[in-house]
């Protein structure tokens, strides 16, 4: 497998999918102009809308979604793999999915992934989020091969934002052959400052894989503030590209799948992994056993 250029585009999505589609197109064209043949956008590329009524009015089915139609057109015109980190999609059952979509150089949908882990948290600064109140979680990890446009058989594993805190997802994808892991995100500023860099580097090191994480950044129309700092990390845990701010931007780095193979040969933890049982005992149980003896 040969090396290729990958890009992460950093956005500041507002509440209008139409305006965000214009921003997406501009940044994707910039990334392709720098030679990237795999381009990733952040979580909720289509819109960040906190108000539930406005959110319900903003989103539609995949076949009518402007981010989807724009992405198909761009992927085909530019001859690239375009990975929409996620956008809100109205499912046939009337529920919303936080869905990642990968479009090939012919404009066709190659893979889709619905975010598994919902961001239901209460933070120290008073921020409270209940993603599960708006979105239906997915239940399937996705790994897909990307071949063409100068990419020779890299395997991409999908995740979205809060999934980053669940290493078992990335381990399962790496065990299924993924050498490129994706973490498009809209990390809050508070959690981003604390954990963004270290978690992304850890997922790369643990799995001997590249990690590409396109991020939302800055103060959004709906009032939330996201961290930015889109990253590309190599299989040895080194940051090879970063948007070291929260403004819209494009970062590009060379991805060499042979580096993933080399890292896994040096530290063969995937090969050495073993199943094990957990024996969890309490102090009370230990005391009872001691008394019985």
C-alpha atoms as a PDB file:
ATOM      1  CA  UNK A   1       0.000   0.000   0.000  1.00  0.00           C
ATOM      2  CA  UNK A   2       1.286   3.427  -0.932  1.00  0.00           C
ATOM      3  CA  UNK A   3       1.126   6.714   0.931  1.00  0.00           C
ATOM      4  CA  UNK A   4      -1.592   9.279   0.280  1.00  0.00           C
ATOM      5  CA  UNK A   5      -2.625  12.697   1.573  1.00  0.00           C
ATOM      6  CA  UNK A   6      -5.486  13.047   4.037  1.00  0.00           C
ATOM      7  CA  UNK A   7      -7.160  16.218   5.247  1.00  0.00           C
ATOM      8  CA  UNK A   8      -9.239  17.206   8.237  1.00  0.00           C
ATOM      9  CA  UNK A   9     -11.366  20.311   7.817  1.00  0.00           C
ATOM     10  CA  UNK A  10     -12.236  22.373  10.863  1.00  0.00           C
ATOM     11  CA  UNK A  11     -15.611  24.119  10.803  1.00  0.00           C
ATOM     12  CA  UNK A  12     -17.794  26.390  12.903  1.00  0.00           C
ATOM     13  CA  UNK A  13     -21.176  25.079  11.810  1.00  0.00           C
ATOM     14  CA  UNK A  14     -24.154  27.327  12.453  1.00  0.00           C
ATOM     15  CA  UNK A  15     -27.870  26.609  12.520  1.00  0.00           C
ATOM     16  CA  UNK A  16     -28.425  26.745   8.727  1.00  0.00           C
ATOM     17  CA  UNK A  17     -27.586  23.578   6.731  1.00  0.00           C
ATOM     18  CA  UNK A  18     -27.562  25.670   3.553  1.00  0.00           C
ATOM     19  CA  UNK A  19     -24.905  28.071   4.848  1.00  0.00           C
ATOM     20  CA  UNK A  20     -22.902  25.187   6.293  1.00  0.00           C
ATOM     21  CA  UNK A  21     -22.988  23.411   2.930  1.00  0.00           C
ATOM     22  CA  UNK A  22     -21.378  26.499   1.356  1.00  0.00           C
ATOM     23  CA  UNK A  23     -18.638  26.498   4.012  1.00  0.00           C
ATOM     24  CA  UNK A  24     -18.137  22.757   3.568  1.00  0.00           C
ATOM     25  CA  UNK A  25     -17.680  23.118  -0.184  1.00  0.00           C
ATOM     26  CA  UNK A  26     -15.113  25.889   0.206  1.00  0.00           C
ATOM     27  CA  UNK A  27     -13.019  23.918   2.691  1.00  0.00           C
ATOM     28  CA  UNK A  28     -13.244  20.633   0.763  1.00  0.00           C
ATOM     29  CA  UNK A  29     -12.061  22.371  -2.385  1.00  0.00           C
ATOM     30  CA  UNK A  30      -9.173  23.866  -0.437  1.00  0.00           C
ATOM     31  CA  UNK A  31      -8.207  20.425   0.902  1.00  0.00           C
ATOM     32  CA  UNK A  32      -8.383  18.828  -2.549  1.00  0.00           C
ATOM     33  CA  UNK A  33      -6.292  21.692  -3.895  1.00  0.00           C
ATOM     34  CA  UNK A  34      -3.579  20.686  -1.417  1.00  0.00           C
ATOM     35  CA  UNK A  35      -3.588  17.158  -2.819  1.00  0.00           C
ATOM     36  CA  UNK A  36      -5.772  15.378  -0.271  1.00  0.00           C
ATOM     37  CA  UNK A  37      -7.651  12.363  -1.624  1.00  0.00           C
ATOM     38  CA  UNK A  38      -9.325  11.499   1.699  1.00  0.00           C
ATOM     39  CA  UNK A  39     -11.087  14.480   3.302  1.00  0.00           C
ATOM     40  CA  UNK A  40     -12.917  14.411   6.646  1.00  0.00           C
ATOM     41  CA  UNK A  41     -15.322  16.978   8.067  1.00  0.00           C
ATOM     42  CA  UNK A  42     -16.349  17.292  11.742  1.00  0.00           C
ATOM     43  CA  UNK A  43     -19.295  15.995  13.718  1.00  0.00           C
ATOM     44  CA  UNK A  44     -22.569  17.784  12.933  1.00  0.00           C
ATOM     45  CA  UNK A  45     -21.275  19.293   9.712  1.00  0.00           C
ATOM     46  CA  UNK A  46     -24.849  20.057   8.657  1.00  0.00           C
ATOM     47  CA  UNK A  47     -25.897  22.140  11.652  1.00  0.00           C
ATOM     48  CA  UNK A  48     -25.414  22.605  15.382  1.00  0.00           C
ATOM     49  CA  UNK A  49     -28.869  23.358  16.776  1.00  0.00           C
ATOM     50  CA  UNK A  50     -29.509  23.131  20.512  1.00  0.00           C
ATOM     51  CA  UNK A  51     -33.206  24.125  20.512  1.00  0.00           C
ATOM     52  CA  UNK A  52     -35.302  20.970  20.042  1.00  0.00           C
ATOM     53  CA  UNK A  53     -38.034  22.589  17.930  1.00  0.00           C
ATOM     54  CA  UNK A  54     -35.565  24.337  15.650  1.00  0.00           C
ATOM     55  CA  UNK A  55     -33.596  21.105  15.371  1.00  0.00           C
ATOM     56  CA  UNK A  56     -36.675  19.147  14.318  1.00  0.00           C
ATOM     57  CA  UNK A  57     -37.370  21.721  11.600  1.00  0.00           C
ATOM     58  CA  UNK A  58     -33.773  21.749  10.316  1.00  0.00           C
ATOM     59  CA  UNK A  59     -33.144  18.123   9.484  1.00  0.00           C
ATOM     60  CA  UNK A  60     -34.506  15.808   6.818  1.00  0.00           C
ATOM     61  CA  UNK A  61     -34.026  12.364   5.310  1.00  0.00           C
ATOM     62  CA  UNK A  62     -30.762  11.337   3.689  1.00  0.00           C
ATOM     63  CA  UNK A  63     -32.133  11.553   0.155  1.00  0.00           C
ATOM     64  CA  UNK A  64     -33.205  15.188   0.693  1.00  0.00           C
ATOM     65  CA  UNK A  65     -30.295  16.399   2.827  1.00  0.00           C
ATOM     66  CA  UNK A  66     -28.245  19.266   1.364  1.00  0.00           C
ATOM     67  CA  UNK A  67     -25.013  18.116   3.019  1.00  0.00           C
ATOM     68  CA  UNK A  68     -25.432  14.692   1.419  1.00  0.00           C
ATOM     69  CA  UNK A  69     -26.167  16.078  -2.063  1.00  0.00           C
ATOM     70  CA  UNK A  70     -23.328  18.609  -1.817  1.00  0.00           C
ATOM     71  CA  UNK A  71     -20.910  15.905  -0.690  1.00  0.00           C
ATOM     72  CA  UNK A  72     -21.856  13.519  -3.480  1.00  0.00           C
ATOM     73  CA  UNK A  73     -21.278  16.255  -6.032  1.00  0.00           C
ATOM     74  CA  UNK A  74     -17.936  17.299  -4.562  1.00  0.00           C
ATOM     75  CA  UNK A  75     -16.585  13.760  -4.180  1.00  0.00           C
ATOM     76  CA  UNK A  76     -17.366  12.981  -7.804  1.00  0.00           C
ATOM     77  CA  UNK A  77     -16.165  16.300  -9.234  1.00  0.00           C
ATOM     78  CA  UNK A  78     -12.899  16.286  -7.277  1.00  0.00           C
ATOM     79  CA  UNK A  79     -12.312  12.515  -7.449  1.00  0.00           C
ATOM     80  CA  UNK A  80     -11.839  12.141  -3.689  1.00  0.00           C
ATOM     81  CA  UNK A  81     -13.101  10.147  -0.743  1.00  0.00           C
ATOM     82  CA  UNK A  82     -15.229  12.602   1.239  1.00  0.00           C
ATOM     83  CA  UNK A  83     -16.045  11.570   4.800  1.00  0.00           C
ATOM     84  CA  UNK A  84     -18.788  13.652   6.392  1.00  0.00           C
ATOM     85  CA  UNK A  85     -17.842  13.220  10.047  1.00  0.00           C
ATOM     86  CA  UNK A  86     -21.514  13.291  10.898  1.00  0.00           C
ATOM     87  CA  UNK A  87     -24.725  15.114  10.193  1.00  0.00           C
ATOM     88  CA  UNK A  88     -28.215  14.703  11.609  1.00  0.00           C
ATOM     89  CA  UNK A  89     -30.347  12.420   9.435  1.00  0.00           C
ATOM     90  CA  UNK A  90     -34.070  11.801   9.854  1.00  0.00           C
ATOM     91  CA  UNK A  91     -34.637   8.045   9.834  1.00  0.00           C
ATOM     92  CA  UNK A  92     -37.652   6.285   8.348  1.00  0.00           C
ATOM     93  CA  UNK A  93     -39.032   5.712  11.863  1.00  0.00           C
ATOM     94  CA  UNK A  94     -39.045   9.453  12.570  1.00  0.00           C
ATOM     95  CA  UNK A  95     -36.010   9.378  14.890  1.00  0.00           C
ATOM     96  CA  UNK A  96     -32.767  11.255  14.293  1.00  0.00           C
ATOM     97  CA  UNK A  97     -29.410   9.551  13.734  1.00  0.00           C
ATOM     98  CA  UNK A  98     -26.046  11.231  14.289  1.00  0.00           C
ATOM     99  CA  UNK A  99     -24.673   9.699  11.090  1.00  0.00           C
ATOM    100  CA  UNK A 100     -21.251   9.600   9.466  1.00  0.00           C
ATOM    101  CA  UNK A 101     -21.175   9.053   5.698  1.00  0.00           C
ATOM    102  CA  UNK A 102     -18.317   8.184   3.347  1.00  0.00           C
ATOM    103  CA  UNK A 103     -18.647   9.056  -0.347  1.00  0.00           C
ATOM    104  CA  UNK A 104     -16.350   7.608  -3.000  1.00  0.00           C
ATOM    105  CA  UNK A 105     -14.739   9.288  -6.023  1.00  0.00           C
ATOM    106  CA  UNK A 106     -17.790   8.295  -8.090  1.00  0.00           C
ATOM    107  CA  UNK A 107     -20.131  10.073  -5.660  1.00  0.00           C
ATOM    108  CA  UNK A 108     -21.654   6.857  -4.328  1.00  0.00           C
ATOM    109  CA  UNK A 109     -22.118   6.157  -0.628  1.00  0.00           C
ATOM    110  CA  UNK A 110     -19.489   3.631   0.472  1.00  0.00           C
ATOM    111  CA  UNK A 111     -20.357   3.363   4.165  1.00  0.00           C
ATOM    112  CA  UNK A 112     -22.506   4.868   6.908  1.00  0.00           C
ATOM    113  CA  UNK A 113     -22.078   4.789  10.671  1.00  0.00           C
ATOM    114  CA  UNK A 114     -24.518   5.913  13.357  1.00  0.00           C
ATOM    115  CA  UNK A 115     -22.834   7.217  16.522  1.00  0.00           C
ATOM    116  CA  UNK A 116     -23.047   4.549  19.226  1.00  0.00           C
ATOM    117  CA  UNK A 117     -22.281   6.401  22.464  1.00  0.00           C
ATOM    118  CA  UNK A 118     -24.555   9.309  23.388  1.00  0.00           C
ATOM    119  CA  UNK A 119     -23.099  12.374  25.124  1.00  0.00           C
ATOM    120  CA  UNK A 120     -25.213  12.480  28.288  1.00  0.00           C
ATOM    121  CA  UNK A 121     -23.132  14.450  30.810  1.00  0.00           C
ATOM    122  CA  UNK A 122     -23.199  17.244  33.396  1.00  0.00           C
ATOM    123  CA  UNK A 123     -20.013  19.322  33.409  1.00  0.00           C
ATOM    124  CA  UNK A 124     -18.468  21.406  36.186  1.00  0.00           C
ATOM    125  CA  UNK A 125     -19.223  24.739  34.510  1.00  0.00           C
ATOM    126  CA  UNK A 126     -22.969  24.076  34.447  1.00  0.00           C
ATOM    127  CA  UNK A 127     -23.105  22.679  30.907  1.00  0.00           C
ATOM    128  CA  UNK A 128     -25.550  19.793  30.665  1.00  0.00           C
ATOM    129  CA  UNK A 129     -26.003  17.652  27.567  1.00  0.00           C
ATOM    130  CA  UNK A 130     -28.484  14.868  26.810  1.00  0.00           C
ATOM    131  CA  UNK A 131     -27.741  13.664  23.294  1.00  0.00           C
ATOM    132  CA  UNK A 132     -29.945  10.631  23.825  1.00  0.00           C
ATOM    133  CA  UNK A 133     -32.969  12.939  24.103  1.00  0.00           C
ATOM    134  CA  UNK A 134     -32.514  13.936  20.466  1.00  0.00           C
ATOM    135  CA  UNK A 135     -30.758  11.039  18.727  1.00  0.00           C
ATOM    136  CA  UNK A 136     -31.155   7.295  18.470  1.00  0.00           C
ATOM    137  CA  UNK A 137     -27.810   5.546  19.098  1.00  0.00           C
ATOM    138  CA  UNK A 138     -26.325   3.143  16.593  1.00  0.00           C
ATOM    139  CA  UNK A 139     -25.399  -0.426  17.482  1.00  0.00           C
ATOM    140  CA  UNK A 140     -22.832  -1.442  14.882  1.00  0.00           C
ATOM    141  CA  UNK A 141     -19.137  -0.638  14.470  1.00  0.00           C
ATOM    142  CA  UNK A 142     -18.063  -0.059  10.871  1.00  0.00           C
ATOM    143  CA  UNK A 143     -14.765  -0.757   9.089  1.00  0.00           C
ATOM    144  CA  UNK A 144     -14.533  -0.218   5.351  1.00  0.00           C
ATOM    145  CA  UNK A 145     -11.782  -0.479   2.754  1.00  0.00           C
ATOM    146  CA  UNK A 146     -10.987   2.606   0.705  1.00  0.00           C
ATOM    147  CA  UNK A 147      -9.322   1.968  -2.645  1.00  0.00           C
ATOM    148  CA  UNK A 148      -8.953   4.334  -5.571  1.00  0.00           C
ATOM    149  CA  UNK A 149      -7.962   7.966  -6.065  1.00  0.00           C
ATOM    150  CA  UNK A 150      -4.391   7.003  -5.214  1.00  0.00           C
ATOM    151  CA  UNK A 151      -5.393   5.053  -2.092  1.00  0.00           C
ATOM    152  CA  UNK A 152      -4.557   1.364  -2.211  1.00  0.00           C
ATOM    153  CA  UNK A 153      -6.648  -0.613   0.261  1.00  0.00           C
ATOM    154  CA  UNK A 154      -6.460   1.386   3.502  1.00  0.00           C
ATOM    155  CA  UNK A 155      -9.061   0.266   6.024  1.00  0.00           C
ATOM    156  CA  UNK A 156     -11.043   2.960   7.803  1.00  0.00           C
ATOM    157  CA  UNK A 157     -12.724   2.555  11.183  1.00  0.00           C
ATOM    158  CA  UNK A 158     -15.561   4.902  12.121  1.00  0.00           C
ATOM    159  CA  UNK A 159     -16.349   6.742  15.346  1.00  0.00           C
ATOM    160  CA  UNK A 160     -17.883  10.080  16.300  1.00  0.00           C
ATOM    161  CA  UNK A 161     -16.848  12.426  19.129  1.00  0.00           C
ATOM    162  CA  UNK A 162     -17.913  10.898  22.497  1.00  0.00           C
ATOM    163  CA  UNK A 163     -17.080   7.449  21.079  1.00  0.00           C
ATOM    164  CA  UNK A 164     -13.464   8.516  21.690  1.00  0.00           C
ATOM    165  CA  UNK A 165     -13.894   7.698  25.394  1.00  0.00           C
ATOM    166  CA  UNK A 166     -14.727   4.045  24.676  1.00  0.00           C
ATOM    167  CA  UNK A 167     -11.454   2.351  23.690  1.00  0.00           C
ATOM    168  CA  UNK A 168     -13.140  -1.003  23.133  1.00  0.00           C
ATOM    169  CA  UNK A 169     -14.736   0.380  19.952  1.00  0.00           C
ATOM    170  CA  UNK A 170     -11.366   1.286  18.454  1.00  0.00           C
ATOM    171  CA  UNK A 171      -9.784  -1.980  19.557  1.00  0.00           C
ATOM    172  CA  UNK A 172     -12.573  -3.944  17.852  1.00  0.00           C
ATOM    173  CA  UNK A 173     -12.057  -1.953  14.642  1.00  0.00           C
ATOM    174  CA  UNK A 174      -8.283  -2.404  14.759  1.00  0.00           C
ATOM    175  CA  UNK A 175      -8.733  -6.141  15.302  1.00  0.00           C
ATOM    176  CA  UNK A 176     -10.963  -6.100  12.201  1.00  0.00           C
ATOM    177  CA  UNK A 177      -8.065  -4.634  10.205  1.00  0.00           C
ATOM    178  CA  UNK A 178      -8.532  -0.864  10.485  1.00  0.00           C
ATOM    179  CA  UNK A 179      -5.231   1.015  10.096  1.00  0.00           C
ATOM    180  CA  UNK A 180      -6.930   4.421   9.893  1.00  0.00           C
ATOM    181  CA  UNK A 181      -9.303   5.482  12.701  1.00  0.00           C
ATOM    182  CA  UNK A 182     -11.624   8.476  12.496  1.00  0.00           C
ATOM    183  CA  UNK A 183     -12.880  10.681  15.323  1.00  0.00           C
ATOM    184  CA  UNK A 184     -14.759  13.668  13.835  1.00  0.00           C
ATOM    185  CA  UNK A 185     -15.978  15.697  16.790  1.00  0.00           C
ATOM    186  CA  UNK A 186     -17.644  18.703  18.365  1.00  0.00           C
ATOM    187  CA  UNK A 187     -15.801  18.516  21.695  1.00  0.00           C
ATOM    188  CA  UNK A 188     -16.771  21.142  24.261  1.00  0.00           C
ATOM    189  CA  UNK A 189     -14.045  23.612  25.144  1.00  0.00           C
ATOM    190  CA  UNK A 190     -13.864  22.349  28.737  1.00  0.00           C
ATOM    191  CA  UNK A 191     -13.455  18.674  27.854  1.00  0.00           C
ATOM    192  CA  UNK A 192     -11.255  19.464  24.867  1.00  0.00           C
ATOM    193  CA  UNK A 193      -8.755  21.396  26.933  1.00  0.00           C
ATOM    194  CA  UNK A 194      -8.605  18.535  29.427  1.00  0.00           C
ATOM    195  CA  UNK A 195      -8.611  15.407  27.282  1.00  0.00           C
ATOM    196  CA  UNK A 196      -8.666  15.908  23.484  1.00  0.00           C
ATOM    197  CA  UNK A 197      -4.974  15.512  22.684  1.00  0.00           C
ATOM    198  CA  UNK A 198      -4.201  12.760  25.164  1.00  0.00           C
ATOM    199  CA  UNK A 199      -7.176  10.586  24.207  1.00  0.00           C
ATOM    200  CA  UNK A 200      -6.538  10.839  20.467  1.00  0.00           C
ATOM    201  CA  UNK A 201      -2.858  10.003  20.918  1.00  0.00           C
ATOM    202  CA  UNK A 202      -3.768   7.101  23.200  1.00  0.00           C
ATOM    203  CA  UNK A 203      -6.167   5.598  20.635  1.00  0.00           C
ATOM    204  CA  UNK A 204      -3.419   5.815  17.985  1.00  0.00           C
ATOM    205  CA  UNK A 205      -0.782   4.222  20.243  1.00  0.00           C
ATOM    206  CA  UNK A 206      -3.058   1.489  21.594  1.00  0.00           C
ATOM    207  CA  UNK A 207      -4.033   0.353  18.118  1.00  0.00           C
ATOM    208  CA  UNK A 208      -0.967   1.137  16.010  1.00  0.00           C
ATOM    209  CA  UNK A 209      -3.165   3.204  13.701  1.00  0.00           C
ATOM    210  CA  UNK A 210      -3.432   6.675  12.259  1.00  0.00           C
ATOM    211  CA  UNK A 211      -6.146   8.792  13.865  1.00  0.00           C
ATOM    212  CA  UNK A 212      -7.804  11.623  11.954  1.00  0.00           C
ATOM    213  CA  UNK A 213     -10.030  13.949  13.963  1.00  0.00           C
ATOM    214  CA  UNK A 214     -11.748  16.871  12.228  1.00  0.00           C
ATOM    215  CA  UNK A 215     -13.292  19.199  14.797  1.00  0.00           C
ATOM    216  CA  UNK A 216     -15.806  21.944  15.271  1.00  0.00           C
ATOM    217  CA  UNK A 217     -14.298  25.068  16.815  1.00  0.00           C
ATOM    218  CA  UNK A 218     -15.317  28.369  18.359  1.00  0.00           C
ATOM    219  CA  UNK A 219     -18.528  30.036  19.523  1.00  0.00           C
ATOM    220  CA  UNK A 220     -21.510  28.752  17.552  1.00  0.00           C
ATOM    221  CA  UNK A 221     -24.828  30.398  16.720  1.00  0.00           C
ATOM    222  CA  UNK A 222     -26.705  28.182  19.175  1.00  0.00           C
ATOM    223  CA  UNK A 223     -24.486  29.378  22.023  1.00  0.00           C
ATOM    224  CA  UNK A 224     -22.235  26.370  22.500  1.00  0.00           C
ATOM    225  CA  UNK A 225     -18.457  26.642  22.371  1.00  0.00           C
ATOM    226  CA  UNK A 226     -16.287  23.924  20.874  1.00  0.00           C
ATOM    227  CA  UNK A 227     -12.573  23.300  21.195  1.00  0.00           C
ATOM    228  CA  UNK A 228     -11.271  23.020  17.622  1.00  0.00           C
ATOM    229  CA  UNK A 229      -7.673  21.738  17.404  1.00  0.00           C
ATOM    230  CA  UNK A 230      -8.301  19.241  14.588  1.00  0.00           C
ATOM    231  CA  UNK A 231      -5.564  16.611  14.668  1.00  0.00           C
ATOM    232  CA  UNK A 232      -3.897  13.925  12.594  1.00  0.00           C
ATOM    233  CA  UNK A 233      -1.869  11.482  14.704  1.00  0.00           C
ATOM    234  CA  UNK A 234       0.457   8.767  13.390  1.00  0.00           C
ATOM    235  CA  UNK A 235       0.554   5.137  14.637  1.00  0.00           C
ATOM    236  CA  UNK A 236       3.410   5.941  17.038  1.00  0.00           C
ATOM    237  CA  UNK A 237       1.305   8.634  18.712  1.00  0.00           C
ATOM    238  CA  UNK A 238       3.023  11.622  17.112  1.00  0.00           C
ATOM    239  CA  UNK A 239       0.917  14.605  16.059  1.00  0.00           C
ATOM    240  CA  UNK A 240       1.689  15.124  12.377  1.00  0.00           C
ATOM    241  CA  UNK A 241      -0.811  17.930  11.715  1.00  0.00           C
ATOM    242  CA  UNK A 242      -2.864  20.225  13.932  1.00  0.00           C
ATOM    243  CA  UNK A 243      -5.085  23.273  13.605  1.00  0.00           C
ATOM    244  CA  UNK A 244      -3.810  24.809  16.848  1.00  0.00           C
ATOM    245  CA  UNK A 245      -6.835  27.115  17.276  1.00  0.00           C
ATOM    246  CA  UNK A 246     -10.633  27.075  16.966  1.00  0.00           C
ATOM    247  CA  UNK A 247     -11.072  28.824  13.601  1.00  0.00           C
ATOM    248  CA  UNK A 248     -12.185  27.199  10.311  1.00  0.00           C
ATOM    249  CA  UNK A 249      -9.138  25.606   8.688  1.00  0.00           C
ATOM    250  CA  UNK A 250      -7.720  22.741   6.646  1.00  0.00           C
ATOM    251  CA  UNK A 251      -4.901  20.478   7.821  1.00  0.00           C
ATOM    252  CA  UNK A 252      -3.193  17.921   5.589  1.00  0.00           C
ATOM    253  CA  UNK A 253      -0.761  15.090   6.304  1.00  0.00           C
ATOM    254  CA  UNK A 254       0.681  12.099   4.512  1.00  0.00           C
ATOM    255  CA  UNK A 255      -0.817   8.756   5.533  1.00  0.00           C
ATOM    256  CA  UNK A 256       1.409   5.728   4.983  1.00  0.00           C
ATOM    257  CA  UNK A 257      -0.346   2.463   5.930  1.00  0.00           C
ATOM    258  CA  UNK A 258       3.079   0.798   6.069  1.00  0.00           C
ATOM    259  CA  UNK A 259       3.737   2.861   9.199  1.00  0.00           C
ATOM    260  CA  UNK A 260       0.777   1.206  10.877  1.00  0.00           C
ATOM    261  CA  UNK A 261       2.142  -2.221   9.994  1.00  0.00           C
ATOM    262  CA  UNK A 262       5.564  -1.202  11.316  1.00  0.00           C
ATOM    263  CA  UNK A 263       4.152   0.066  14.629  1.00  0.00           C
ATOM    264  CA  UNK A 264       2.173  -3.136  15.110  1.00  0.00           C
ATOM    265  CA  UNK A 265       5.293  -5.191  14.409  1.00  0.00           C
ATOM    266  CA  UNK A 266       7.315  -3.266  17.015  1.00  0.00           C
ATOM    267  CA  UNK A 267       4.568  -3.473  19.659  1.00  0.00           C
ATOM    268  CA  UNK A 268       2.376  -6.458  18.704  1.00  0.00           C
ATOM    269  CA  UNK A 269      -0.287  -5.832  21.329  1.00  0.00           C
ATOM    270  CA  UNK A 270      -3.145  -6.630  18.938  1.00  0.00           C
ATOM    271  CA  UNK A 271      -1.597 -10.036  18.277  1.00  0.00           C
ATOM    272  CA  UNK A 272      -0.799 -10.577  21.957  1.00  0.00           C
ATOM    273  CA  UNK A 273      -4.267  -9.703  23.204  1.00  0.00           C
ATOM    274  CA  UNK A 274      -5.939 -12.454  25.273  1.00  0.00           C
ATOM    275  CA  UNK A 275      -9.417 -13.022  26.621  1.00  0.00           C
ATOM    276  CA  UNK A 276      -9.697 -13.024  30.392  1.00  0.00           C
ATOM    277  CA  UNK A 277     -12.236 -13.209  33.172  1.00  0.00           C
ATOM    278  CA  UNK A 278     -12.753 -10.559  35.873  1.00  0.00           C
ATOM    279  CA  UNK A 279     -12.891 -11.680  39.481  1.00  0.00           C
ATOM    280  CA  UNK A 280     -14.316  -8.749  41.453  1.00  0.00           C
ATOM    281  CA  UNK A 281     -14.457  -9.371  45.198  1.00  0.00           C
ATOM    282  CA  UNK A 282     -15.505  -7.184  48.110  1.00  0.00           C
ATOM    283  CA  UNK A 283     -13.868  -6.632  51.498  1.00  0.00           C
ATOM    284  CA  UNK A 284     -16.930  -8.212  53.103  1.00  0.00           C
ATOM    285  CA  UNK A 285     -16.620 -11.374  51.022  1.00  0.00           C
ATOM    286  CA  UNK A 286     -12.919 -11.658  51.842  1.00  0.00           C
ATOM    287  CA  UNK A 287     -13.698 -11.313  55.577  1.00  0.00           C
ATOM    288  CA  UNK A 288     -16.324 -14.052  55.414  1.00  0.00           C
ATOM    289  CA  UNK A 289     -13.917 -16.387  53.636  1.00  0.00           C
ATOM    290  CA  UNK A 290     -11.286 -15.668  56.280  1.00  0.00           C
ATOM    291  CA  UNK A 291     -13.726 -16.420  59.115  1.00  0.00           C
ATOM    292  CA  UNK A 292     -14.790 -19.694  57.519  1.00  0.00           C
ATOM    293  CA  UNK A 293     -11.214 -20.874  57.300  1.00  0.00           C
END
